[in-house]
Amino acid sequence: MRKKILITGAILGLLAVILGAFGAHALKKVLTVDQLASFETGVRYQMYHAFFLLFVGMSNVVSLKMLRLIYVFVLWGILLFSGSIYLLATKDATGIDITSIGFITPIGGALLIIGWITLGLNFFKLKTEKIS
């Protein structure tokens, strides 16, 4: 499980760099300032959570049960949150209009928050000796 989380974190980080560069160069010419800012928000949160997965994947104090939960929450959170932002921000350029299901963006954000809450709950359950 840890290897899967680390690989996923690395891939999501790589994709965030690629998407960030694509946004800064190619999309800068076709998106409005507001659309570009939204796209960059998606990239930023994807990168934050790629680092988050790398952190939990390397941590010895996160239980396997919590790792599984965090992985699911964060992966789906990124797909729904950042993915929907990418599509919403580029709808004029791509012709893909998901405005009618734009409610998935806050669902993705909620899943990211739940991932962090799950990590916090894991820390509350730790015995003091395990942290040392």
C-alpha atoms as a PDB file:
ATOM      1  CA  MET A   1       0.000   0.000   0.000  1.00  0.00           C
ATOM      2  CA  ARG A   2       2.786   2.443   0.862  1.00  0.00           C
ATOM      3  CA  LYS A   3       4.461   1.848  -2.501  1.00  0.00           C
ATOM      4  CA  LYS A   4       1.161   2.462  -4.310  1.00  0.00           C
ATOM      5  CA  ILE A   5       0.657   5.721  -2.398  1.00  0.00           C
ATOM      6  CA  LEU A   6       4.211   6.892  -3.108  1.00  0.00           C
ATOM      7  CA  ILE A   7       3.914   6.095  -6.825  1.00  0.00           C
ATOM      8  CA  THR A   8       0.542   7.856  -7.007  1.00  0.00           C
ATOM      9  CA  GLY A   9       1.958  10.896  -5.188  1.00  0.00           C
ATOM     10  CA  ALA A  10       4.918  11.044  -7.582  1.00  0.00           C
ATOM     11  CA  ILE A  11       2.674  10.736 -10.662  1.00  0.00           C
ATOM     12  CA  LEU A  12       0.260  13.404  -9.380  1.00  0.00           C
ATOM     13  CA  GLY A  13       3.211  15.710  -8.642  1.00  0.00           C
ATOM     14  CA  LEU A  14       4.631  15.141 -12.122  1.00  0.00           C
ATOM     15  CA  LEU A  15       1.253  15.843 -13.714  1.00  0.00           C
ATOM     16  CA  ALA A  16       0.888  19.016 -11.630  1.00  0.00           C
ATOM     17  CA  VAL A  17       4.213  20.313 -12.946  1.00  0.00           C
ATOM     18  CA  ILE A  18       3.250  19.452 -16.531  1.00  0.00           C
ATOM     19  CA  LEU A  19      -0.202  21.028 -16.181  1.00  0.00           C
ATOM     20  CA  GLY A  20       1.278  24.101 -14.481  1.00  0.00           C
ATOM     21  CA  ALA A  21       3.743  24.608 -17.324  1.00  0.00           C
ATOM     22  CA  PHE A  22       0.991  24.002 -19.886  1.00  0.00           C
ATOM     23  CA  GLY A  23      -1.190  26.577 -18.153  1.00  0.00           C
ATOM     24  CA  ALA A  24       1.590  29.131 -17.883  1.00  0.00           C
ATOM     25  CA  HIS A  25       2.584  28.849 -21.533  1.00  0.00           C
ATOM     26  CA  ALA A  26      -0.035  27.350 -23.862  1.00  0.00           C
ATOM     27  CA  LEU A  27      -3.209  28.232 -21.986  1.00  0.00           C
ATOM     28  CA  LYS A  28      -2.076  31.754 -21.158  1.00  0.00           C
ATOM     29  CA  LYS A  29      -2.845  32.656 -24.763  1.00  0.00           C
ATOM     30  CA  VAL A  30      -6.400  31.233 -24.816  1.00  0.00           C
ATOM     31  CA  LEU A  31      -7.804  31.645 -21.295  1.00  0.00           C
ATOM     32  CA  THR A  32      -8.990  34.766 -19.546  1.00  0.00           C
ATOM     33  CA  VAL A  33      -7.140  35.934 -16.445  1.00  0.00           C
ATOM     34  CA  ASP A  34      -9.895  34.491 -14.224  1.00  0.00           C
ATOM     35  CA  GLN A  35      -9.904  31.161 -16.058  1.00  0.00           C
ATOM     36  CA  LEU A  36      -6.133  30.917 -15.790  1.00  0.00           C
ATOM     37  CA  ALA A  37      -6.292  31.717 -12.067  1.00  0.00           C
ATOM     38  CA  SER A  38      -8.854  28.923 -11.594  1.00  0.00           C
ATOM     39  CA  PHE A  39      -6.698  26.497 -13.563  1.00  0.00           C
ATOM     40  CA  GLU A  40      -3.704  27.417 -11.398  1.00  0.00           C
ATOM     41  CA  THR A  41      -5.800  26.758  -8.271  1.00  0.00           C
ATOM     42  CA  GLY A  42      -6.438  23.223  -9.514  1.00  0.00           C
ATOM     43  CA  VAL A  43      -2.720  22.713 -10.157  1.00  0.00           C
ATOM     44  CA  ARG A  44      -1.769  24.117  -6.755  1.00  0.00           C
ATOM     45  CA  TYR A  45      -4.151  21.864  -4.843  1.00  0.00           C
ATOM     46  CA  GLN A  46      -3.097  18.864  -6.879  1.00  0.00           C
ATOM     47  CA  MET A  47       0.547  19.542  -5.961  1.00  0.00           C
ATOM     48  CA  TYR A  48      -0.269  20.103  -2.277  1.00  0.00           C
ATOM     49  CA  HIS A  49      -1.985  16.751  -2.159  1.00  0.00           C
ATOM     50  CA  ALA A  50       0.728  14.987  -4.141  1.00  0.00           C
ATOM     51  CA  PHE A  51       3.098  16.083  -1.353  1.00  0.00           C
ATOM     52  CA  PHE A  52       0.503  14.975   1.197  1.00  0.00           C
ATOM     53  CA  LEU A  53       0.436  11.466  -0.304  1.00  0.00           C
ATOM     54  CA  LEU A  54       4.235  11.342  -0.339  1.00  0.00           C
ATOM     55  CA  PHE A  55       4.284  12.371   3.320  1.00  0.00           C
ATOM     56  CA  VAL A  56       1.769   9.771   4.476  1.00  0.00           C
ATOM     57  CA  GLY A  57       3.332   7.103   2.270  1.00  0.00           C
ATOM     58  CA  MET A  58       6.704   7.615   3.970  1.00  0.00           C
ATOM     59  CA  SER A  59       5.313   7.945   7.477  1.00  0.00           C
ATOM     60  CA  ASN A  60       5.727   5.058   9.886  1.00  0.00           C
ATOM     61  CA  VAL A  61       3.120   6.430  12.271  1.00  0.00           C
ATOM     62  CA  VAL A  62       0.144   6.238   9.914  1.00  0.00           C
ATOM     63  CA  SER A  63      -1.701   2.937  10.287  1.00  0.00           C
ATOM     64  CA  LEU A  64      -2.415   0.800   7.240  1.00  0.00           C
ATOM     65  CA  LYS A  65      -6.166   1.254   7.744  1.00  0.00           C
ATOM     66  CA  MET A  66      -5.797   5.047   7.824  1.00  0.00           C
ATOM     67  CA  LEU A  67      -3.434   4.950   4.825  1.00  0.00           C
ATOM     68  CA  ARG A  68      -6.080   3.205   2.757  1.00  0.00           C
ATOM     69  CA  LEU A  69      -8.730   5.734   3.752  1.00  0.00           C
ATOM     70  CA  ILE A  70      -6.460   8.724   3.143  1.00  0.00           C
ATOM     71  CA  TYR A  71      -5.465   7.346  -0.255  1.00  0.00           C
ATOM     72  CA  VAL A  72      -9.080   6.949  -1.390  1.00  0.00           C
ATOM     73  CA  PHE A  73     -10.192  10.340  -0.047  1.00  0.00           C
ATOM     74  CA  VAL A  74      -7.240  12.240  -1.513  1.00  0.00           C
ATOM     75  CA  LEU A  75      -7.187  10.496  -4.880  1.00  0.00           C
ATOM     76  CA  TRP A  76     -10.916  11.018  -5.446  1.00  0.00           C
ATOM     77  CA  GLY A  77     -10.634  14.514  -3.999  1.00  0.00           C
ATOM     78  CA  ILE A  78      -7.972  15.479  -6.532  1.00  0.00           C
ATOM     79  CA  LEU A  79      -9.844  13.889  -9.420  1.00  0.00           C
ATOM     80  CA  LEU A  80     -13.089  15.666  -8.543  1.00  0.00           C
ATOM     81  CA  PHE A  81     -11.700  18.966  -7.268  1.00  0.00           C
ATOM     82  CA  SER A  82      -8.739  19.667  -9.540  1.00  0.00           C
ATOM     83  CA  GLY A  83     -10.155  17.704 -12.465  1.00  0.00           C
ATOM     84  CA  SER A  84     -13.405  19.634 -12.484  1.00  0.00           C
ATOM     85  CA  ILE A  85     -11.555  22.935 -12.126  1.00  0.00           C
ATOM     86  CA  TYR A  86      -9.405  22.068 -15.152  1.00  0.00           C
ATOM     87  CA  LEU A  87     -12.514  21.307 -17.205  1.00  0.00           C
ATOM     88  CA  LEU A  88     -14.475  24.330 -15.971  1.00  0.00           C
ATOM     89  CA  ALA A  89     -11.555  26.719 -16.571  1.00  0.00           C
ATOM     90  CA  THR A  90     -10.921  25.457 -20.106  1.00  0.00           C
ATOM     91  CA  LYS A  91     -14.532  25.003 -21.270  1.00  0.00           C
ATOM     92  CA  ASP A  92     -14.322  27.880 -23.758  1.00  0.00           C
ATOM     93  CA  ALA A  93     -11.133  26.471 -25.293  1.00  0.00           C
ATOM     94  CA  THR A  94     -12.119  22.784 -25.273  1.00  0.00           C
ATOM     95  CA  GLY A  95     -15.858  22.975 -25.777  1.00  0.00           C
ATOM     96  CA  ILE A  96     -16.309  20.602 -22.824  1.00  0.00           C
ATOM     97  CA  ASP A  97     -18.947  22.160 -20.613  1.00  0.00           C
ATOM     98  CA  ILE A  98     -19.472  20.466 -17.258  1.00  0.00           C
ATOM     99  CA  THR A  99     -21.134  23.489 -15.682  1.00  0.00           C
ATOM    100  CA  SER A 100     -24.255  21.424 -14.975  1.00  0.00           C
ATOM    101  CA  ILE A 101     -22.216  19.063 -12.791  1.00  0.00           C
ATOM    102  CA  GLY A 102     -19.954  21.743 -11.323  1.00  0.00           C
ATOM    103  CA  PHE A 103     -21.184  20.643  -7.890  1.00  0.00           C
ATOM    104  CA  ILE A 104     -18.502  17.941  -7.992  1.00  0.00           C
ATOM    105  CA  THR A 105     -15.839  20.568  -7.288  1.00  0.00           C
ATOM    106  CA  PRO A 106     -16.911  21.128  -3.654  1.00  0.00           C
ATOM    107  CA  ILE A 107     -17.447  17.367  -3.229  1.00  0.00           C
ATOM    108  CA  GLY A 108     -13.814  16.898  -4.255  1.00  0.00           C
ATOM    109  CA  GLY A 109     -12.777  19.627  -1.831  1.00  0.00           C
ATOM    110  CA  ALA A 110     -14.724  17.930   0.956  1.00  0.00           C
ATOM    111  CA  LEU A 111     -12.945  14.643   0.205  1.00  0.00           C
ATOM    112  CA  LEU A 112      -9.575  16.411   0.479  1.00  0.00           C
ATOM    113  CA  ILE A 113     -10.622  17.855   3.833  1.00  0.00           C
ATOM    114  CA  ILE A 114     -11.752  14.413   5.004  1.00  0.00           C
ATOM    115  CA  GLY A 115      -8.323  13.059   4.024  1.00  0.00           C
ATOM    116  CA  TRP A 116      -6.686  15.603   6.330  1.00  0.00           C
ATOM    117  CA  ILE A 117      -9.184  14.851   9.108  1.00  0.00           C
ATOM    118  CA  THR A 118      -8.380  11.150   8.740  1.00  0.00           C
ATOM    119  CA  LEU A 119      -4.669  11.915   9.173  1.00  0.00           C
ATOM    120  CA  GLY A 120      -5.435  13.996  12.268  1.00  0.00           C
ATOM    121  CA  LEU A 121      -7.551  11.194  13.748  1.00  0.00           C
ATOM    122  CA  ASN A 122      -4.676   8.800  13.160  1.00  0.00           C
ATOM    123  CA  PHE A 123      -2.386  11.105  15.145  1.00  0.00           C
ATOM    124  CA  PHE A 124      -4.892  11.339  18.013  1.00  0.00           C
ATOM    125  CA  LYS A 125      -4.949   7.542  18.249  1.00  0.00           C
ATOM    126  CA  LEU A 126      -1.151   7.276  18.497  1.00  0.00           C
ATOM    127  CA  LYS A 127       0.426   6.217  21.706  1.00  0.00           C
ATOM    128  CA  THR A 128       3.045   8.734  22.860  1.00  0.00           C
ATOM    129  CA  GLU A 129       5.795   6.090  22.773  1.00  0.00           C
ATOM    130  CA  LYS A 130       5.238   5.400  19.071  1.00  0.00           C
ATOM    131  CA  ILE A 131       5.981   9.003  18.128  1.00  0.00           C
ATOM    132  CA  SER A 132       9.391   9.091  19.825  1.00  0.00           C
END
